[in-house]
Amino acid sequence: MPTDVQEACFEAGIKFGSLYHQFAGTPVSPESADSLARAIEESIENQPHCTDVTVEPRMDVLQAAIDAGDAEYTEFTGRFAEVSLTVEYEDWTVEAGMEMDGEYPLMRLVSVERRG
């Protein structure tokens, strides 16, 4: 059986998997980026054990991608946002984040702490 801390870390991974695969490919523009970010936050915060999600659009990267294309929007991918989330499971709090590692959106644990 997994330990509580392992379950907490697993839950963080599940949240990121859901976040990324649910929203990847969504049409996004500078005008819609903030509303998409809020929708992502609210959607993922609905999941069990998730207490906070922050999605910060990277407007400069988004605008550059649009400028390089033929349309006034592009498809959402991890390179267009910095994401952090918090999971609380039993006595554990897990902070996780997503940031770019070269051209790859890397999701990683930031901290794992026992509460109380």
N, C-alpha and C. Protein backbone atom coordinates (compact mmCIF):
# COMPACT_ATOMS: atom_id res chain seq x y z
N MET A 1 0.83 -1.18 0.00
CA MET A 1 0.00 0.00 0.00
C MET A 1 0.88 1.25 0.00
N PRO A 2 0.50 2.26 -0.79
CA PRO A 2 1.27 3.51 -0.79
C PRO A 2 1.09 4.24 0.54
N THR A 3 2.11 4.99 0.90
CA THR A 3 2.04 5.82 2.10
C THR A 3 1.22 7.08 1.79
N ASP A 4 0.85 7.81 2.85
CA ASP A 4 0.10 9.05 2.65
C ASP A 4 0.90 10.05 1.83
N VAL A 5 2.19 10.16 2.08
CA VAL A 5 3.01 11.12 1.31
C VAL A 5 3.09 10.70 -0.15
N GLN A 6 3.17 9.41 -0.42
CA GLN A 6 3.17 8.95 -1.81
C GLN A 6 1.83 9.26 -2.47
N GLU A 7 0.73 9.07 -1.76
CA GLU A 7 -0.59 9.40 -2.29
C GLU A 7 -0.70 10.89 -2.60
N ALA A 8 -0.17 11.72 -1.71
CA ALA A 8 -0.22 13.17 -1.92
C ALA A 8 0.54 13.55 -3.19
N CYS A 9 1.70 12.98 -3.39
CA CYS A 9 2.49 13.26 -4.60
C CYS A 9 1.79 12.73 -5.85
N PHE A 10 1.20 11.56 -5.75
CA PHE A 10 0.43 10.99 -6.85
C PHE A 10 -0.72 11.91 -7.24
N GLU A 11 -1.42 12.44 -6.23
CA GLU A 11 -2.54 13.35 -6.50
C GLU A 11 -2.07 14.59 -7.26
N ALA A 12 -0.91 15.11 -6.91
CA ALA A 12 -0.37 16.27 -7.65
C ALA A 12 -0.14 15.90 -9.11
N GLY A 13 0.41 14.73 -9.34
CA GLY A 13 0.63 14.27 -10.72
C GLY A 13 -0.65 14.11 -11.50
N ILE A 14 -1.66 13.58 -10.84
CA ILE A 14 -2.97 13.42 -11.49
C ILE A 14 -3.53 14.78 -11.89
N LYS A 15 -3.39 15.77 -11.01
CA LYS A 15 -3.91 17.10 -11.31
C LYS A 15 -3.22 17.68 -12.55
N PHE A 16 -1.89 17.51 -12.63
CA PHE A 16 -1.17 18.04 -13.79
C PHE A 16 -1.53 17.28 -15.06
N GLY A 17 -1.68 15.98 -14.97
CA GLY A 17 -2.08 15.21 -16.15
C GLY A 17 -3.42 15.67 -16.66
N SER A 18 -4.35 15.85 -15.76
CA SER A 18 -5.68 16.33 -16.14
C SER A 18 -5.61 17.73 -16.73
N LEU A 19 -4.90 18.60 -16.05
CA LEU A 19 -4.77 19.99 -16.50
C LEU A 19 -4.21 20.04 -17.91
N TYR A 20 -3.10 19.37 -18.11
CA TYR A 20 -2.42 19.49 -19.39
C TYR A 20 -3.22 18.86 -20.53
N HIS A 21 -3.72 17.66 -20.30
CA HIS A 21 -4.37 16.95 -21.40
C HIS A 21 -5.81 17.40 -21.63
N GLN A 22 -6.42 18.01 -20.64
CA GLN A 22 -7.76 18.54 -20.84
C GLN A 22 -7.71 19.82 -21.66
N PHE A 23 -6.68 20.65 -21.46
CA PHE A 23 -6.67 21.97 -22.07
C PHE A 23 -5.70 22.12 -23.24
N ALA A 24 -4.78 21.20 -23.43
CA ALA A 24 -3.87 21.29 -24.57
C ALA A 24 -4.68 21.28 -25.86
N GLY A 25 -4.38 22.21 -26.73
CA GLY A 25 -5.09 22.32 -28.00
C GLY A 25 -6.22 23.32 -27.99
N THR A 26 -6.58 23.85 -26.83
CA THR A 26 -7.62 24.86 -26.75
C THR A 26 -7.18 26.12 -27.48
N PRO A 27 -8.01 26.68 -28.36
CA PRO A 27 -7.63 27.92 -29.01
C PRO A 27 -7.43 29.03 -27.98
N VAL A 28 -6.34 29.78 -28.12
CA VAL A 28 -6.03 30.84 -27.16
C VAL A 28 -5.40 32.02 -27.89
N SER A 29 -5.74 33.21 -27.43
CA SER A 29 -5.18 34.45 -27.95
C SER A 29 -4.84 35.32 -26.75
N PRO A 30 -4.13 36.43 -26.96
CA PRO A 30 -3.88 37.32 -25.83
C PRO A 30 -5.17 37.81 -25.18
N GLU A 31 -6.21 37.99 -25.97
CA GLU A 31 -7.48 38.46 -25.42
C GLU A 31 -8.20 37.40 -24.58
N SER A 32 -7.99 36.14 -24.88
CA SER A 32 -8.68 35.07 -24.15
C SER A 32 -7.80 34.36 -23.13
N ALA A 33 -6.53 34.68 -23.07
CA ALA A 33 -5.58 33.94 -22.22
C ALA A 33 -5.96 34.01 -20.74
N ASP A 34 -6.34 35.18 -20.26
CA ASP A 34 -6.68 35.28 -18.84
C ASP A 34 -7.93 34.49 -18.49
N SER A 35 -8.94 34.53 -19.36
CA SER A 35 -10.16 33.77 -19.06
C SER A 35 -9.90 32.27 -19.14
N LEU A 36 -9.04 31.84 -20.07
CA LEU A 36 -8.67 30.43 -20.14
C LEU A 36 -7.91 30.03 -18.87
N ALA A 37 -7.01 30.89 -18.41
CA ALA A 37 -6.26 30.60 -17.19
C ALA A 37 -7.21 30.42 -16.00
N ARG A 38 -8.20 31.30 -15.87
CA ARG A 38 -9.15 31.19 -14.75
C ARG A 38 -9.98 29.91 -14.89
N ALA A 39 -10.37 29.56 -16.11
CA ALA A 39 -11.14 28.33 -16.32
C ALA A 39 -10.32 27.11 -15.94
N ILE A 40 -9.04 27.10 -16.29
CA ILE A 40 -8.17 25.98 -15.92
C ILE A 40 -8.09 25.89 -14.40
N GLU A 41 -7.83 27.03 -13.75
CA GLU A 41 -7.72 27.04 -12.29
C GLU A 41 -8.99 26.47 -11.64
N GLU A 42 -10.14 27.00 -12.04
CA GLU A 42 -11.39 26.58 -11.42
C GLU A 42 -11.70 25.11 -11.70
N SER A 43 -11.37 24.64 -12.88
CA SER A 43 -11.61 23.25 -13.22
C SER A 43 -10.77 22.31 -12.37
N ILE A 44 -9.49 22.57 -12.27
CA ILE A 44 -8.59 21.68 -11.54
C ILE A 44 -8.83 21.76 -10.04
N GLU A 45 -9.20 22.94 -9.53
CA GLU A 45 -9.49 23.07 -8.10
C GLU A 45 -10.71 22.25 -7.68
N ASN A 46 -11.54 21.85 -8.63
CA ASN A 46 -12.68 20.98 -8.31
C ASN A 46 -12.26 19.58 -7.91
N GLN A 47 -11.07 19.17 -8.29
CA GLN A 47 -10.64 17.81 -8.04
C GLN A 47 -10.32 17.59 -6.56
N PRO A 48 -10.52 16.36 -6.08
CA PRO A 48 -10.26 16.07 -4.68
C PRO A 48 -8.82 16.41 -4.27
N HIS A 49 -8.70 16.94 -3.06
CA HIS A 49 -7.42 17.23 -2.41
C HIS A 49 -6.68 18.43 -2.99
N CYS A 50 -7.20 19.05 -4.04
CA CYS A 50 -6.53 20.21 -4.64
C CYS A 50 -7.05 21.47 -3.94
N THR A 51 -6.14 22.22 -3.33
CA THR A 51 -6.57 23.40 -2.58
C THR A 51 -6.24 24.71 -3.28
N ASP A 52 -5.36 24.69 -4.26
CA ASP A 52 -5.02 25.93 -4.96
C ASP A 52 -4.38 25.61 -6.30
N VAL A 53 -4.74 26.39 -7.31
CA VAL A 53 -4.12 26.31 -8.63
C VAL A 53 -3.92 27.73 -9.12
N THR A 54 -2.73 28.02 -9.63
CA THR A 54 -2.45 29.32 -10.23
C THR A 54 -1.90 29.11 -11.62
N VAL A 55 -2.54 29.74 -12.59
CA VAL A 55 -2.10 29.68 -13.99
C VAL A 55 -1.79 31.11 -14.42
N GLU A 56 -0.54 31.35 -14.77
CA GLU A 56 -0.10 32.68 -15.21
C GLU A 56 0.26 32.61 -16.69
N PRO A 57 -0.56 33.22 -17.56
CA PRO A 57 -0.23 33.21 -18.99
C PRO A 57 1.10 33.92 -19.26
N ARG A 58 1.86 33.37 -20.18
CA ARG A 58 3.12 33.97 -20.62
C ARG A 58 2.80 34.74 -21.92
N MET A 59 2.32 35.96 -21.74
CA MET A 59 1.80 36.75 -22.86
C MET A 59 2.84 37.01 -23.94
N ASP A 60 4.09 37.21 -23.55
CA ASP A 60 5.13 37.47 -24.55
C ASP A 60 5.34 36.27 -25.46
N VAL A 61 5.35 35.09 -24.88
CA VAL A 61 5.54 33.86 -25.67
C VAL A 61 4.31 33.61 -26.53
N LEU A 62 3.14 33.83 -25.97
CA LEU A 62 1.89 33.66 -26.71
C LEU A 62 1.84 34.60 -27.91
N GLN A 63 2.15 35.87 -27.67
CA GLN A 63 2.10 36.85 -28.76
C GLN A 63 3.12 36.51 -29.84
N ALA A 64 4.31 36.07 -29.46
CA ALA A 64 5.34 35.69 -30.44
C ALA A 64 4.87 34.52 -31.31
N ALA A 65 4.19 33.56 -30.70
CA ALA A 65 3.69 32.41 -31.47
C ALA A 65 2.61 32.85 -32.46
N ILE A 66 1.77 33.75 -32.03
CA ILE A 66 0.72 34.25 -32.92
C ILE A 66 1.33 35.07 -34.05
N ASP A 67 2.30 35.91 -33.72
CA ASP A 67 2.96 36.72 -34.74
C ASP A 67 3.66 35.86 -35.79
N ALA A 68 4.13 34.68 -35.39
CA ALA A 68 4.83 33.79 -36.32
C ALA A 68 3.88 32.95 -37.15
N GLY A 69 2.59 32.95 -36.81
CA GLY A 69 1.61 32.12 -37.52
C GLY A 69 0.76 32.92 -38.47
N ASP A 70 -0.28 32.25 -38.96
CA ASP A 70 -1.19 32.85 -39.94
C ASP A 70 -2.54 33.24 -39.35
N ALA A 71 -2.76 32.94 -38.07
CA ALA A 71 -4.06 33.22 -37.46
C ALA A 71 -3.89 34.19 -36.29
N GLU A 72 -5.00 34.63 -35.75
CA GLU A 72 -4.98 35.55 -34.62
C GLU A 72 -5.08 34.81 -33.29
N TYR A 73 -4.84 33.51 -33.33
CA TYR A 73 -4.83 32.68 -32.13
C TYR A 73 -3.86 31.53 -32.36
N THR A 74 -3.62 30.76 -31.32
CA THR A 74 -2.82 29.54 -31.43
C THR A 74 -3.44 28.51 -30.50
N GLU A 75 -2.85 27.34 -30.43
CA GLU A 75 -3.35 26.30 -29.54
C GLU A 75 -2.59 26.33 -28.24
N PHE A 76 -3.31 26.22 -27.12
CA PHE A 76 -2.68 26.23 -25.82
C PHE A 76 -1.76 25.03 -25.66
N THR A 77 -0.55 25.28 -25.20
CA THR A 77 0.39 24.25 -24.76
C THR A 77 1.05 24.77 -23.49
N GLY A 78 1.85 23.93 -22.88
CA GLY A 78 2.51 24.29 -21.64
C GLY A 78 3.46 25.46 -21.76
N ARG A 79 3.93 25.75 -22.94
CA ARG A 79 4.88 26.86 -23.08
C ARG A 79 4.22 28.22 -22.91
N PHE A 80 2.89 28.26 -22.90
CA PHE A 80 2.18 29.53 -22.79
C PHE A 80 1.73 29.88 -21.37
N ALA A 81 2.13 29.07 -20.37
CA ALA A 81 1.70 29.37 -19.00
C ALA A 81 2.68 28.80 -17.98
N GLU A 82 2.78 29.49 -16.87
CA GLU A 82 3.45 28.95 -15.70
C GLU A 82 2.35 28.53 -14.74
N VAL A 83 2.47 27.33 -14.20
CA VAL A 83 1.40 26.77 -13.38
C VAL A 83 1.96 26.29 -12.05
N SER A 84 1.23 26.56 -10.99
CA SER A 84 1.56 25.97 -9.69
C SER A 84 0.27 25.44 -9.08
N LEU A 85 0.40 24.41 -8.26
CA LEU A 85 -0.77 23.86 -7.59
C LEU A 85 -0.39 23.32 -6.23
N THR A 86 -1.40 23.23 -5.37
CA THR A 86 -1.23 22.71 -4.02
C THR A 86 -2.22 21.58 -3.79
N VAL A 87 -1.71 20.48 -3.25
CA VAL A 87 -2.53 19.34 -2.89
C VAL A 87 -2.35 19.10 -1.39
N GLU A 88 -3.45 18.86 -0.70
CA GLU A 88 -3.40 18.48 0.71
C GLU A 88 -4.06 17.12 0.83
N TYR A 89 -3.28 16.18 1.34
CA TYR A 89 -3.77 14.80 1.52
C TYR A 89 -3.35 14.33 2.90
N GLU A 90 -4.34 13.96 3.71
CA GLU A 90 -4.08 13.57 5.10
C GLU A 90 -3.24 14.65 5.77
N ASP A 91 -2.04 14.33 6.27
CA ASP A 91 -1.19 15.31 6.97
C ASP A 91 -0.16 15.95 6.06
N TRP A 92 -0.29 15.81 4.74
CA TRP A 92 0.76 16.26 3.82
C TRP A 92 0.27 17.37 2.90
N THR A 93 1.17 18.31 2.65
CA THR A 93 0.94 19.36 1.66
C THR A 93 2.01 19.24 0.59
N VAL A 94 1.57 19.18 -0.65
CA VAL A 94 2.47 19.07 -1.79
C VAL A 94 2.29 20.29 -2.66
N GLU A 95 3.40 20.95 -2.96
CA GLU A 95 3.42 22.06 -3.92
C GLU A 95 4.09 21.52 -5.18
N ALA A 96 3.48 21.79 -6.32
CA ALA A 96 4.04 21.34 -7.59
C ALA A 96 3.95 22.49 -8.59
N GLY A 97 4.81 22.44 -9.60
CA GLY A 97 4.82 23.50 -10.59
C GLY A 97 5.15 22.99 -11.97
N MET A 98 4.81 23.79 -12.96
CA MET A 98 5.14 23.48 -14.35
C MET A 98 5.88 24.68 -14.92
N GLU A 99 7.03 24.40 -15.49
CA GLU A 99 7.81 25.44 -16.15
C GLU A 99 8.52 24.81 -17.33
N MET A 100 8.98 25.63 -18.21
CA MET A 100 9.64 25.13 -19.41
C MET A 100 11.06 24.69 -19.08
N ASP A 101 11.43 23.56 -19.64
CA ASP A 101 12.80 23.05 -19.60
C ASP A 101 13.21 22.91 -21.06
N GLY A 102 13.80 23.98 -21.60
CA GLY A 102 14.03 24.05 -23.04
C GLY A 102 12.68 24.19 -23.73
N GLU A 103 12.34 23.25 -24.58
CA GLU A 103 11.05 23.28 -25.29
C GLU A 103 10.02 22.36 -24.66
N TYR A 104 10.35 21.79 -23.49
CA TYR A 104 9.46 20.81 -22.85
C TYR A 104 8.84 21.38 -21.58
N PRO A 105 7.52 21.30 -21.42
CA PRO A 105 6.90 21.76 -20.17
C PRO A 105 7.11 20.71 -19.08
N LEU A 106 7.97 21.02 -18.14
CA LEU A 106 8.35 20.09 -17.08
C LEU A 106 7.48 20.32 -15.85
N MET A 107 6.84 19.27 -15.40
CA MET A 107 6.03 19.32 -14.19
C MET A 107 6.84 18.66 -13.09
N ARG A 108 6.95 19.36 -11.94
CA ARG A 108 7.82 18.81 -10.89
C ARG A 108 7.28 19.15 -9.52
N LEU A 109 7.73 18.37 -8.54
CA LEU A 109 7.42 18.68 -7.15
C LEU A 109 8.30 19.83 -6.70
N VAL A 110 7.73 20.79 -6.02
CA VAL A 110 8.47 21.93 -5.49
C VAL A 110 8.77 21.70 -4.01
N SER A 111 7.74 21.23 -3.27
CA SER A 111 7.95 20.91 -1.87
C SER A 111 6.94 19.87 -1.42
N VAL A 112 7.35 19.09 -0.42
CA VAL A 112 6.49 18.10 0.20
C VAL A 112 6.70 18.27 1.70
N GLU A 113 5.63 18.68 2.40
CA GLU A 113 5.77 18.97 3.82
C GLU A 113 4.65 18.34 4.63
N ARG A 114 5.04 17.89 5.81
CA ARG A 114 4.04 17.36 6.76
C ARG A 114 3.42 18.53 7.51
N ARG A 115 2.09 18.55 7.57
CA ARG A 115 1.39 19.60 8.32
C ARG A 115 1.24 19.18 9.77
N GLY A 116 1.22 20.18 10.63
CA GLY A 116 0.95 19.94 12.05
C GLY A 116 2.04 19.34 12.74
